[in-house]
């Protein structure tokens, strides 16, 4: 079982990060918000879950242990597989997802592509009360200490407040960060306001 990878991000493409560890490249499927925090050439530690789908191994990764735990817990609901669990974690933060289940908010869960309202209600029925919401802070990390949202998190939240879904926002920020790097700029040097303006411009170009 591969429980964690620590190495260099070789590339980020779609919903997959290619992690280079000890000379071996691992393709890791990750939530869009997590992918938006990565860029080629950076070092990262990723908590992973290895699954077998149609006789093919698939590696899923998360930047926080809390997200990995939720990914596994979601699949305890009947009919919920890794693809839907990943879709939920791409649509909602771990904290928002856990609270939606605890509060019985099927509408919030149903926003995840591939789930639907019946699936959302099933998750609530089977998992409500089994997820410890208080163990998650707003950024989805373990512990009780509050941390400032990352620049990527601030931009994603800003885009969501303007009407984009978390999935769309995370994908857009990831593309902009990759563009910055390909142009020789350091994506991590951008502050939230500048990165938000760049992302809005990129989204406008795509319309």
N, C-alpha and C. Protein backbone atom coordinates (compact mmCIF):
# COMPACT_ATOMS: atom_id res chain seq x y z
N UNK A 1 0.84 -1.20 0.00
CA UNK A 1 0.00 0.00 0.00
C UNK A 1 0.88 1.25 0.00
N UNK A 2 0.55 2.20 -0.85
CA UNK A 2 1.27 3.47 -0.92
C UNK A 2 0.46 4.49 -0.13
N UNK A 3 0.94 4.86 1.05
CA UNK A 3 0.20 5.76 1.93
C UNK A 3 0.60 7.21 1.85
N UNK A 4 1.79 7.49 1.29
CA UNK A 4 2.24 8.87 1.18
C UNK A 4 3.36 8.95 0.14
N UNK A 5 3.40 10.08 -0.56
CA UNK A 5 4.48 10.37 -1.48
C UNK A 5 5.10 11.70 -1.09
N UNK A 6 6.41 11.76 -1.11
CA UNK A 6 7.11 13.02 -0.86
C UNK A 6 8.17 13.17 -1.95
N UNK A 7 8.01 14.19 -2.77
CA UNK A 7 8.94 14.38 -3.87
C UNK A 7 8.66 15.65 -4.62
N UNK A 8 9.07 15.67 -5.87
CA UNK A 8 8.93 16.87 -6.70
C UNK A 8 7.75 16.71 -7.65
N UNK A 9 7.01 17.80 -7.83
CA UNK A 9 5.91 17.81 -8.79
C UNK A 9 6.50 17.99 -10.18
N UNK A 10 6.34 16.97 -11.02
CA UNK A 10 6.88 17.06 -12.39
C UNK A 10 5.93 17.83 -13.30
N UNK A 11 4.61 17.64 -13.10
CA UNK A 11 3.63 18.35 -13.92
C UNK A 11 2.26 18.26 -13.26
N UNK A 12 1.38 19.17 -13.67
CA UNK A 12 -0.01 19.15 -13.24
C UNK A 12 -0.85 19.27 -14.50
N UNK A 13 -1.69 18.28 -14.75
CA UNK A 13 -2.48 18.26 -15.98
C UNK A 13 -3.87 17.72 -15.69
N UNK A 14 -4.89 18.55 -15.93
CA UNK A 14 -6.25 18.13 -15.66
C UNK A 14 -6.46 17.89 -14.18
N UNK A 15 -6.83 16.67 -13.82
CA UNK A 15 -7.02 16.34 -12.40
C UNK A 15 -5.91 15.43 -11.88
N UNK A 16 -4.75 15.45 -12.57
CA UNK A 16 -3.65 14.55 -12.21
C UNK A 16 -2.35 15.34 -12.00
N UNK A 17 -1.67 15.02 -10.92
CA UNK A 17 -0.32 15.54 -10.69
C UNK A 17 0.66 14.39 -10.89
N UNK A 18 1.74 14.66 -11.59
CA UNK A 18 2.79 13.66 -11.77
C UNK A 18 3.87 13.95 -10.74
N UNK A 19 4.03 13.05 -9.77
CA UNK A 19 4.98 13.20 -8.68
C UNK A 19 6.23 12.36 -8.97
N UNK A 20 7.38 13.01 -8.91
CA UNK A 20 8.64 12.31 -9.13
C UNK A 20 9.26 11.97 -7.78
N UNK A 21 9.32 10.66 -7.48
CA UNK A 21 9.84 10.19 -6.20
C UNK A 21 10.88 9.11 -6.46
N UNK A 22 12.12 9.39 -6.10
CA UNK A 22 13.19 8.42 -6.29
C UNK A 22 13.37 7.99 -7.72
N UNK A 23 13.16 8.91 -8.66
CA UNK A 23 13.34 8.60 -10.07
C UNK A 23 12.14 7.93 -10.72
N UNK A 24 11.06 7.73 -9.95
CA UNK A 24 9.84 7.10 -10.47
C UNK A 24 8.72 8.13 -10.50
N UNK A 25 8.00 8.20 -11.61
CA UNK A 25 6.89 9.14 -11.72
C UNK A 25 5.57 8.49 -11.35
N UNK A 26 4.87 9.04 -10.37
CA UNK A 26 3.57 8.52 -9.93
C UNK A 26 2.48 9.48 -10.38
N UNK A 27 1.49 8.98 -11.13
CA UNK A 27 0.33 9.78 -11.49
C UNK A 27 -0.67 9.74 -10.33
N UNK A 28 -1.00 10.92 -9.81
CA UNK A 28 -1.87 11.00 -8.63
C UNK A 28 -3.08 11.85 -8.96
N UNK A 29 -4.26 11.28 -8.83
CA UNK A 29 -5.51 12.04 -9.03
C UNK A 29 -5.81 12.79 -7.73
N UNK A 30 -6.09 14.09 -7.85
CA UNK A 30 -6.26 14.92 -6.66
C UNK A 30 -7.43 15.88 -6.82
N UNK A 31 -7.99 16.38 -5.70
CA UNK A 31 -9.02 17.41 -5.77
C UNK A 31 -8.48 18.66 -6.45
N UNK A 32 -9.34 19.38 -7.15
CA UNK A 32 -8.90 20.56 -7.90
C UNK A 32 -8.27 21.62 -7.00
N UNK A 33 -8.81 21.78 -5.80
CA UNK A 33 -8.24 22.78 -4.89
C UNK A 33 -6.80 22.42 -4.53
N UNK A 34 -6.52 21.14 -4.30
CA UNK A 34 -5.16 20.71 -4.00
C UNK A 34 -4.25 20.91 -5.21
N UNK A 35 -4.74 20.56 -6.40
CA UNK A 35 -3.93 20.70 -7.60
C UNK A 35 -3.57 22.17 -7.85
N UNK A 36 -4.50 23.07 -7.49
CA UNK A 36 -4.25 24.49 -7.71
C UNK A 36 -3.10 25.01 -6.84
N UNK A 37 -2.77 24.26 -5.78
CA UNK A 37 -1.67 24.67 -4.90
C UNK A 37 -0.32 24.15 -5.36
N UNK A 38 -0.32 23.31 -6.40
CA UNK A 38 0.92 22.70 -6.86
C UNK A 38 1.37 23.30 -8.18
N UNK A 39 2.66 23.27 -8.43
CA UNK A 39 3.17 23.63 -9.75
C UNK A 39 4.46 22.87 -10.00
N UNK A 40 4.75 22.66 -11.27
CA UNK A 40 5.92 21.88 -11.66
C UNK A 40 7.19 22.45 -11.06
N UNK A 41 8.01 21.57 -10.50
CA UNK A 41 9.27 21.98 -9.90
C UNK A 41 9.20 22.16 -8.41
N UNK A 42 7.98 22.23 -7.84
CA UNK A 42 7.85 22.40 -6.40
C UNK A 42 7.93 21.05 -5.69
N UNK A 43 8.29 21.07 -4.42
CA UNK A 43 8.29 19.86 -3.61
C UNK A 43 6.96 19.75 -2.86
N UNK A 44 6.48 18.54 -2.68
CA UNK A 44 5.20 18.35 -2.01
C UNK A 44 5.15 17.01 -1.29
N UNK A 45 4.37 16.98 -0.23
CA UNK A 45 4.05 15.74 0.48
C UNK A 45 2.56 15.48 0.28
N UNK A 46 2.22 14.31 -0.21
CA UNK A 46 0.85 13.99 -0.56
C UNK A 46 0.43 12.70 0.14
N UNK A 47 -0.66 12.77 0.91
CA UNK A 47 -1.23 11.56 1.50
C UNK A 47 -2.01 10.83 0.42
N UNK A 48 -1.78 9.54 0.27
CA UNK A 48 -2.33 8.82 -0.87
C UNK A 48 -3.16 7.61 -0.47
N UNK A 49 -4.04 7.22 -1.40
CA UNK A 49 -4.85 6.01 -1.28
C UNK A 49 -4.76 5.28 -2.61
N UNK A 50 -4.36 4.02 -2.58
CA UNK A 50 -4.26 3.22 -3.79
C UNK A 50 -5.52 2.38 -3.95
N UNK A 51 -6.18 2.49 -5.10
CA UNK A 51 -7.37 1.69 -5.38
C UNK A 51 -7.14 0.89 -6.66
N UNK A 52 -7.97 -0.11 -6.86
CA UNK A 52 -7.90 -0.91 -8.08
C UNK A 52 -9.23 -0.77 -8.80
N UNK A 53 -9.20 -0.21 -10.00
CA UNK A 53 -10.41 -0.01 -10.80
C UNK A 53 -10.26 -0.73 -12.13
N UNK A 54 -11.14 -1.70 -12.38
CA UNK A 54 -11.09 -2.49 -13.61
C UNK A 54 -9.69 -3.07 -13.83
N UNK A 55 -9.16 -3.64 -12.77
CA UNK A 55 -7.85 -4.29 -12.77
C UNK A 55 -6.69 -3.33 -12.98
N UNK A 56 -6.96 -2.02 -12.90
CA UNK A 56 -5.92 -1.02 -13.05
C UNK A 56 -5.73 -0.26 -11.74
N UNK A 57 -4.49 -0.12 -11.26
CA UNK A 57 -4.27 0.64 -10.03
C UNK A 57 -4.44 2.14 -10.29
N UNK A 58 -5.12 2.80 -9.37
CA UNK A 58 -5.32 4.26 -9.45
C UNK A 58 -4.91 4.85 -8.11
N UNK A 59 -4.06 5.87 -8.16
CA UNK A 59 -3.56 6.49 -6.94
C UNK A 59 -4.24 7.86 -6.75
N UNK A 60 -4.88 8.03 -5.59
CA UNK A 60 -5.53 9.29 -5.25
C UNK A 60 -4.70 9.98 -4.17
N UNK A 61 -4.58 11.31 -4.27
CA UNK A 61 -3.74 12.03 -3.32
C UNK A 61 -4.41 13.27 -2.76
N UNK A 62 -3.96 13.67 -1.56
CA UNK A 62 -4.55 14.80 -0.84
C UNK A 62 -3.45 15.51 -0.07
N UNK A 63 -3.58 16.83 0.02
CA UNK A 63 -2.57 17.62 0.72
C UNK A 63 -2.77 17.62 2.22
N UNK A 64 -3.92 17.14 2.70
CA UNK A 64 -4.15 17.07 4.15
C UNK A 64 -4.64 15.67 4.54
N UNK A 65 -4.24 15.18 5.71
CA UNK A 65 -4.76 13.90 6.20
C UNK A 65 -6.27 13.92 6.36
N UNK A 66 -6.85 15.09 6.69
CA UNK A 66 -8.30 15.20 6.88
C UNK A 66 -9.03 14.88 5.58
N UNK A 67 -8.53 15.39 4.47
CA UNK A 67 -9.15 15.13 3.18
C UNK A 67 -9.06 13.64 2.82
N UNK A 68 -7.93 13.03 3.13
CA UNK A 68 -7.77 11.59 2.87
C UNK A 68 -8.77 10.79 3.70
N UNK A 69 -8.94 11.15 4.97
CA UNK A 69 -9.88 10.43 5.82
C UNK A 69 -11.31 10.56 5.29
N UNK A 70 -11.68 11.77 4.86
CA UNK A 70 -13.02 11.97 4.32
C UNK A 70 -13.22 11.17 3.04
N UNK A 71 -12.19 11.12 2.20
CA UNK A 71 -12.25 10.34 0.97
C UNK A 71 -12.58 8.88 1.28
N UNK A 72 -11.95 8.33 2.30
CA UNK A 72 -12.20 6.94 2.68
C UNK A 72 -13.56 6.78 3.35
N UNK A 73 -13.95 7.75 4.19
CA UNK A 73 -15.24 7.66 4.88
C UNK A 73 -16.40 7.75 3.90
N UNK A 74 -16.28 8.60 2.90
CA UNK A 74 -17.36 8.76 1.93
C UNK A 74 -17.68 7.45 1.22
N UNK A 75 -16.66 6.64 1.00
CA UNK A 75 -16.87 5.39 0.28
C UNK A 75 -17.51 4.30 1.13
N UNK A 76 -17.73 4.60 2.41
CA UNK A 76 -18.47 3.67 3.26
C UNK A 76 -19.97 3.75 2.98
N UNK A 77 -20.39 4.82 2.32
CA UNK A 77 -21.80 4.92 1.91
C UNK A 77 -22.01 4.06 0.68
N UNK A 78 -23.07 3.28 0.66
CA UNK A 78 -23.31 2.35 -0.44
C UNK A 78 -23.45 3.10 -1.77
N UNK A 79 -22.78 2.59 -2.78
CA UNK A 79 -22.85 3.18 -4.11
C UNK A 79 -21.91 4.34 -4.35
N UNK A 80 -21.13 4.72 -3.34
CA UNK A 80 -20.19 5.84 -3.49
C UNK A 80 -18.79 5.28 -3.69
N UNK A 81 -18.24 5.54 -4.87
CA UNK A 81 -16.90 5.06 -5.18
C UNK A 81 -15.88 6.19 -5.13
N UNK A 82 -14.64 5.89 -5.46
CA UNK A 82 -13.58 6.91 -5.38
C UNK A 82 -13.79 8.10 -6.29
N UNK A 83 -14.37 7.89 -7.48
CA UNK A 83 -14.58 9.01 -8.40
C UNK A 83 -15.54 10.04 -7.82
N UNK A 84 -16.63 9.57 -7.25
CA UNK A 84 -17.61 10.48 -6.65
C UNK A 84 -17.03 11.13 -5.40
N UNK A 85 -16.30 10.35 -4.61
CA UNK A 85 -15.68 10.91 -3.40
C UNK A 85 -14.71 12.03 -3.77
N UNK A 86 -13.93 11.83 -4.85
CA UNK A 86 -12.99 12.86 -5.30
C UNK A 86 -13.75 14.08 -5.83
N UNK A 87 -14.86 13.83 -6.51
CA UNK A 87 -15.68 14.92 -7.03
C UNK A 87 -16.21 15.78 -5.88
N UNK A 88 -16.63 15.14 -4.79
CA UNK A 88 -17.11 15.88 -3.63
C UNK A 88 -16.01 16.74 -3.02
N UNK A 89 -14.80 16.19 -2.94
CA UNK A 89 -13.68 16.94 -2.36
C UNK A 89 -13.14 17.99 -3.31
N UNK A 90 -13.51 17.90 -4.59
CA UNK A 90 -13.17 18.96 -5.54
C UNK A 90 -14.18 20.09 -5.49
N UNK A 91 -15.39 19.76 -5.06
CA UNK A 91 -16.48 20.74 -5.03
C UNK A 91 -16.53 21.49 -3.70
N UNK A 92 -16.27 20.78 -2.60
CA UNK A 92 -16.33 21.36 -1.27
C UNK A 92 -15.01 21.15 -0.53
N UNK A 93 -14.65 22.07 0.34
CA UNK A 93 -13.49 21.85 1.20
C UNK A 93 -13.81 20.72 2.17
N UNK A 94 -12.81 20.06 2.75
CA UNK A 94 -13.11 19.02 3.74
C UNK A 94 -14.01 19.50 4.87
N UNK A 95 -13.76 20.72 5.35
CA UNK A 95 -14.58 21.26 6.43
C UNK A 95 -16.02 21.47 5.98
N UNK A 96 -16.20 22.08 4.81
CA UNK A 96 -17.55 22.34 4.29
C UNK A 96 -18.28 21.03 4.00
N UNK A 97 -17.55 20.06 3.49
CA UNK A 97 -18.15 18.76 3.18
C UNK A 97 -18.62 18.07 4.44
N UNK A 98 -17.76 18.04 5.46
CA UNK A 98 -18.13 17.39 6.72
C UNK A 98 -19.33 18.08 7.36
N UNK A 99 -19.36 19.40 7.30
CA UNK A 99 -20.47 20.14 7.91
C UNK A 99 -21.76 19.94 7.12
N UNK A 100 -21.65 19.84 5.80
CA UNK A 100 -22.84 19.60 4.99
C UNK A 100 -23.47 18.25 5.34
N UNK A 101 -22.63 17.26 5.57
CA UNK A 101 -23.14 15.94 5.96
C UNK A 101 -23.77 16.01 7.35
N UNK A 102 -23.08 16.68 8.28
CA UNK A 102 -23.58 16.79 9.64
C UNK A 102 -24.89 17.57 9.70
N UNK A 103 -25.03 18.58 8.84
CA UNK A 103 -26.22 19.42 8.84
C UNK A 103 -27.33 18.88 7.94
N UNK A 104 -27.06 17.79 7.25
CA UNK A 104 -28.07 17.22 6.36
C UNK A 104 -28.33 18.09 5.14
N UNK A 105 -27.30 18.79 4.66
CA UNK A 105 -27.45 19.71 3.54
C UNK A 105 -27.23 18.97 2.22
N UNK A 106 -28.29 18.32 1.74
CA UNK A 106 -28.19 17.56 0.50
C UNK A 106 -27.96 18.46 -0.70
N UNK A 107 -28.45 19.68 -0.65
CA UNK A 107 -28.28 20.62 -1.77
C UNK A 107 -26.81 20.92 -2.02
N UNK A 108 -26.05 21.13 -0.94
CA UNK A 108 -24.62 21.41 -1.07
C UNK A 108 -23.89 20.21 -1.63
N UNK A 109 -24.21 19.02 -1.14
CA UNK A 109 -23.54 17.81 -1.62
C UNK A 109 -23.87 17.53 -3.08
N UNK A 110 -25.12 17.79 -3.47
CA UNK A 110 -25.57 17.46 -4.83
C UNK A 110 -24.90 18.32 -5.89
N UNK A 111 -24.18 19.37 -5.50
CA UNK A 111 -23.46 20.21 -6.46
C UNK A 111 -22.28 19.46 -7.08
N UNK A 112 -21.85 18.39 -6.44
CA UNK A 112 -20.71 17.62 -6.94
C UNK A 112 -21.11 16.87 -8.21
N UNK A 113 -20.37 17.04 -9.31
CA UNK A 113 -20.68 16.30 -10.54
C UNK A 113 -20.65 14.79 -10.30
N UNK A 114 -21.65 14.12 -10.86
CA UNK A 114 -21.70 12.67 -10.76
C UNK A 114 -22.41 12.12 -9.55
N UNK A 115 -22.95 13.01 -8.68
CA UNK A 115 -23.60 12.53 -7.46
C UNK A 115 -25.12 12.57 -7.58
N UNK A 116 -25.70 13.75 -7.66
CA UNK A 116 -27.15 13.88 -7.71
C UNK A 116 -27.75 13.94 -6.32
N UNK A 117 -29.01 14.36 -6.24
CA UNK A 117 -29.65 14.56 -4.94
C UNK A 117 -29.89 13.25 -4.19
N UNK A 118 -30.26 12.20 -4.91
CA UNK A 118 -30.49 10.92 -4.23
C UNK A 118 -29.20 10.39 -3.61
N UNK A 119 -28.11 10.52 -4.33
CA UNK A 119 -26.82 10.11 -3.79
C UNK A 119 -26.43 10.93 -2.59
N UNK A 120 -26.71 12.24 -2.65
CA UNK A 120 -26.40 13.12 -1.52
C UNK A 120 -27.20 12.72 -0.29
N UNK A 121 -28.47 12.41 -0.49
CA UNK A 121 -29.31 12.00 0.64
C UNK A 121 -28.85 10.67 1.22
N UNK A 122 -28.36 9.80 0.37
CA UNK A 122 -27.85 8.50 0.84
C UNK A 122 -26.61 8.70 1.72
N UNK A 123 -25.72 9.60 1.29
CA UNK A 123 -24.52 9.89 2.08
C UNK A 123 -24.91 10.42 3.45
N UNK A 124 -25.85 11.34 3.49
CA UNK A 124 -26.29 11.92 4.76
C UNK A 124 -26.91 10.85 5.65
N UNK A 125 -27.76 10.02 5.07
CA UNK A 125 -28.44 8.98 5.83
C UNK A 125 -27.45 7.99 6.45
N UNK A 126 -26.42 7.62 5.69
CA UNK A 126 -25.51 6.57 6.14
C UNK A 126 -24.30 7.09 6.93
N UNK A 127 -23.92 8.36 6.71
CA UNK A 127 -22.70 8.86 7.35
C UNK A 127 -22.93 9.93 8.40
N UNK A 128 -24.13 10.47 8.46
CA UNK A 128 -24.40 11.54 9.42
C UNK A 128 -24.14 11.04 10.85
N UNK A 129 -23.36 11.78 11.58
CA UNK A 129 -23.03 11.41 12.95
C UNK A 129 -21.74 10.62 13.08
N UNK A 130 -21.20 10.16 11.95
CA UNK A 130 -19.96 9.36 12.01
C UNK A 130 -18.72 10.17 11.69
N UNK A 131 -18.90 11.42 11.27
CA UNK A 131 -17.76 12.27 10.91
C UNK A 131 -17.60 13.35 11.97
N UNK A 132 -16.39 13.45 12.51
CA UNK A 132 -16.09 14.41 13.58
C UNK A 132 -15.76 15.77 12.95
N UNK A 133 -16.78 16.63 12.88
CA UNK A 133 -16.61 17.94 12.26
C UNK A 133 -15.63 18.79 13.05
N UNK A 134 -15.65 18.68 14.38
CA UNK A 134 -14.81 19.53 15.22
C UNK A 134 -13.32 19.24 15.05
N UNK A 135 -12.97 18.12 14.43
CA UNK A 135 -11.55 17.79 14.24
C UNK A 135 -10.98 18.48 13.01
N UNK A 136 -11.83 19.20 12.28
CA UNK A 136 -11.39 19.89 11.07
C UNK A 136 -11.47 21.39 11.28
N UNK A 137 -10.44 22.10 10.85
CA UNK A 137 -10.54 23.55 10.85
C UNK A 137 -10.98 24.00 9.47
N UNK A 138 -11.08 25.28 9.24
CA UNK A 138 -11.65 25.79 8.00
C UNK A 138 -10.80 25.45 6.78
N UNK A 139 -9.53 25.20 6.96
CA UNK A 139 -8.69 24.87 5.82
C UNK A 139 -8.63 23.37 5.58
N UNK A 140 -9.33 22.58 6.42
CA UNK A 140 -9.35 21.14 6.23
C UNK A 140 -8.20 20.44 6.89
N UNK A 141 -7.48 21.10 7.80
CA UNK A 141 -6.35 20.48 8.49
C UNK A 141 -6.77 19.97 9.84
N UNK A 142 -6.00 19.05 10.40
CA UNK A 142 -6.26 18.57 11.74
C UNK A 142 -5.80 19.61 12.75
N UNK A 143 -6.40 19.58 13.92
CA UNK A 143 -5.95 20.46 14.99
C UNK A 143 -6.90 21.59 15.22
N UNK A 144 -6.70 22.29 16.33
CA UNK A 144 -7.63 23.34 16.71
C UNK A 144 -7.10 24.73 16.43
N UNK A 145 -5.82 24.86 16.06
CA UNK A 145 -5.27 26.18 15.81
C UNK A 145 -5.75 26.70 14.47
N UNK A 146 -6.11 27.98 14.40
CA UNK A 146 -6.58 28.58 13.17
C UNK A 146 -5.40 29.11 12.37
N UNK A 147 -5.44 28.88 11.06
CA UNK A 147 -4.41 29.36 10.18
C UNK A 147 -5.01 30.28 9.14
N UNK A 148 -4.21 31.25 8.67
CA UNK A 148 -4.67 32.13 7.60
C UNK A 148 -4.84 31.30 6.33
N UNK A 149 -5.90 31.55 5.56
CA UNK A 149 -6.07 30.84 4.29
C UNK A 149 -4.87 31.09 3.38
N UNK A 150 -4.49 30.08 2.60
CA UNK A 150 -3.40 30.26 1.65
C UNK A 150 -3.85 31.23 0.56
N UNK A 151 -2.87 31.72 -0.22
CA UNK A 151 -3.19 32.63 -1.32
C UNK A 151 -4.15 31.94 -2.29
N UNK A 152 -3.85 30.68 -2.61
CA UNK A 152 -4.73 29.94 -3.52
C UNK A 152 -6.12 29.82 -2.92
N UNK A 153 -6.20 29.52 -1.63
CA UNK A 153 -7.50 29.40 -0.97
C UNK A 153 -8.28 30.70 -1.00
N UNK A 154 -7.58 31.83 -0.79
CA UNK A 154 -8.24 33.13 -0.84
C UNK A 154 -8.80 33.41 -2.24
N UNK A 155 -8.03 33.07 -3.26
CA UNK A 155 -8.48 33.32 -4.63
C UNK A 155 -9.67 32.43 -4.96
N UNK A 156 -9.58 31.16 -4.59
CA UNK A 156 -10.70 30.25 -4.84
C UNK A 156 -11.96 30.76 -4.14
N UNK A 157 -11.83 31.17 -2.88
CA UNK A 157 -12.99 31.68 -2.15
C UNK A 157 -13.54 32.94 -2.81
N UNK A 158 -12.64 33.80 -3.31
CA UNK A 158 -13.08 35.01 -4.00
C UNK A 158 -13.87 34.69 -5.26
N UNK A 159 -13.40 33.70 -6.02
CA UNK A 159 -14.10 33.31 -7.24
C UNK A 159 -15.45 32.67 -6.94
N UNK A 160 -15.49 31.87 -5.88
CA UNK A 160 -16.76 31.25 -5.48
C UNK A 160 -17.78 32.32 -5.11
N UNK A 161 -17.32 33.38 -4.41
CA UNK A 161 -18.22 34.46 -4.02
C UNK A 161 -18.74 35.22 -5.24
N UNK A 162 -18.02 35.11 -6.36
CA UNK A 162 -18.44 35.78 -7.59
C UNK A 162 -19.30 34.88 -8.49
N UNK A 163 -19.53 33.65 -8.02
CA UNK A 163 -20.46 32.78 -8.75
C UNK A 163 -19.89 31.53 -9.36
N UNK A 164 -18.56 31.37 -9.35
CA UNK A 164 -17.99 30.15 -9.89
C UNK A 164 -18.05 29.04 -8.83
N UNK A 165 -18.09 27.79 -9.28
CA UNK A 165 -18.04 26.67 -8.34
C UNK A 165 -16.60 26.50 -7.86
N UNK A 166 -16.43 25.81 -6.74
CA UNK A 166 -15.07 25.57 -6.23
C UNK A 166 -14.26 24.76 -7.23
N UNK A 167 -14.93 23.86 -7.94
CA UNK A 167 -14.24 23.04 -8.93
C UNK A 167 -13.72 23.92 -10.07
N UNK A 168 -14.57 24.80 -10.60
CA UNK A 168 -14.16 25.69 -11.68
C UNK A 168 -13.05 26.64 -11.20
N UNK A 169 -13.22 27.16 -9.98
CA UNK A 169 -12.24 28.11 -9.44
C UNK A 169 -10.88 27.44 -9.26
N UNK A 170 -10.87 26.25 -8.69
CA UNK A 170 -9.61 25.55 -8.47
C UNK A 170 -8.90 25.23 -9.77
N UNK A 171 -9.66 24.82 -10.78
CA UNK A 171 -9.06 24.51 -12.08
C UNK A 171 -8.48 25.77 -12.72
N UNK A 172 -9.19 26.89 -12.61
CA UNK A 172 -8.73 28.14 -13.21
C UNK A 172 -7.43 28.62 -12.56
N UNK A 173 -7.39 28.59 -11.23
CA UNK A 173 -6.19 29.03 -10.52
C UNK A 173 -5.00 28.15 -10.89
N UNK A 174 -5.23 26.86 -11.03
CA UNK A 174 -4.17 25.93 -11.40
C UNK A 174 -3.61 26.28 -12.78
N UNK A 175 -4.50 26.59 -13.74
CA UNK A 175 -4.05 26.96 -15.08
C UNK A 175 -3.22 28.24 -15.05
N UNK A 176 -3.68 29.23 -14.30
CA UNK A 176 -2.98 30.51 -14.24
C UNK A 176 -1.59 30.33 -13.63
N UNK A 177 -1.50 29.53 -12.56
CA UNK A 177 -0.21 29.29 -11.93
C UNK A 177 0.75 28.58 -12.90
N UNK A 178 0.23 27.66 -13.70
CA UNK A 178 1.07 26.98 -14.68
C UNK A 178 1.53 27.95 -15.77
N UNK A 179 0.64 28.87 -16.18
CA UNK A 179 1.02 29.87 -17.18
C UNK A 179 2.14 30.77 -16.65
N UNK A 180 2.02 31.17 -15.38
CA UNK A 180 3.04 32.02 -14.78
C UNK A 180 4.40 31.32 -14.79
N UNK A 181 4.38 30.04 -14.42
CA UNK A 181 5.64 29.30 -14.37
C UNK A 181 6.24 29.13 -15.76
N UNK A 182 5.40 28.84 -16.76
CA UNK A 182 5.90 28.65 -18.12
C UNK A 182 6.48 29.95 -18.68
N UNK A 183 6.04 31.09 -18.14
CA UNK A 183 6.55 32.39 -18.58
C UNK A 183 7.76 32.84 -17.76
N UNK A 184 8.23 31.95 -16.87
CA UNK A 184 9.42 32.26 -16.09
C UNK A 184 9.16 32.99 -14.79
N UNK A 185 7.88 33.12 -14.40
CA UNK A 185 7.54 33.79 -13.15
C UNK A 185 7.35 32.77 -12.05
N UNK A 186 7.43 33.23 -10.80
CA UNK A 186 7.23 32.36 -9.65
C UNK A 186 5.78 32.48 -9.20
N UNK A 187 4.96 31.44 -9.36
CA UNK A 187 3.55 31.52 -8.96
C UNK A 187 3.38 31.83 -7.48
N UNK A 188 4.32 31.39 -6.66
CA UNK A 188 4.21 31.60 -5.22
C UNK A 188 4.52 33.04 -4.82
N UNK A 189 5.05 33.83 -5.76
CA UNK A 189 5.37 35.23 -5.44
C UNK A 189 4.17 36.15 -5.61
N UNK A 190 3.08 35.63 -6.20
CA UNK A 190 1.90 36.45 -6.43
C UNK A 190 1.08 36.57 -5.14
N UNK A 191 0.60 37.80 -4.85
CA UNK A 191 -0.32 37.93 -3.73
C UNK A 191 -1.74 37.62 -4.20
N UNK A 192 -2.67 37.51 -3.27
CA UNK A 192 -4.02 37.06 -3.60
C UNK A 192 -4.72 38.00 -4.58
N UNK A 193 -4.56 39.31 -4.38
CA UNK A 193 -5.25 40.28 -5.24
C UNK A 193 -4.79 40.16 -6.69
N UNK A 194 -3.45 40.07 -6.87
CA UNK A 194 -2.91 39.97 -8.23
C UNK A 194 -3.30 38.65 -8.88
N UNK A 195 -3.20 37.56 -8.11
CA UNK A 195 -3.55 36.25 -8.66
C UNK A 195 -5.04 36.19 -9.01
N UNK A 196 -5.88 36.83 -8.20
CA UNK A 196 -7.32 36.87 -8.49
C UNK A 196 -7.57 37.62 -9.80
N UNK A 197 -6.90 38.75 -10.00
CA UNK A 197 -7.09 39.51 -11.24
C UNK A 197 -6.63 38.69 -12.45
N UNK A 198 -5.49 38.02 -12.32
CA UNK A 198 -5.00 37.20 -13.42
C UNK A 198 -5.98 36.07 -13.73
N UNK A 199 -6.53 35.45 -12.69
CA UNK A 199 -7.46 34.33 -12.89
C UNK A 199 -8.75 34.80 -13.52
N UNK A 200 -9.26 35.94 -13.08
CA UNK A 200 -10.48 36.50 -13.68
C UNK A 200 -10.25 36.80 -15.16
N UNK A 201 -9.08 37.33 -15.49
CA UNK A 201 -8.76 37.62 -16.89
C UNK A 201 -8.71 36.33 -17.70
N UNK A 202 -8.13 35.28 -17.11
CA UNK A 202 -8.06 33.97 -17.80
C UNK A 202 -9.46 33.41 -18.01
N UNK A 203 -10.32 33.53 -17.02
CA UNK A 203 -11.69 33.04 -17.15
C UNK A 203 -12.46 33.82 -18.21
N UNK A 204 -12.23 35.14 -18.28
CA UNK A 204 -12.90 35.96 -19.29
C UNK A 204 -12.46 35.55 -20.69
N UNK A 205 -11.17 35.20 -20.85
CA UNK A 205 -10.67 34.79 -22.15
C UNK A 205 -11.32 33.49 -22.61
N UNK A 206 -11.69 32.65 -21.62
CA UNK A 206 -12.25 31.34 -21.95
C UNK A 206 -13.73 31.36 -22.26
N UNK A 207 -14.37 32.51 -22.06
CA UNK A 207 -15.81 32.58 -22.31
C UNK A 207 -16.12 32.63 -23.80
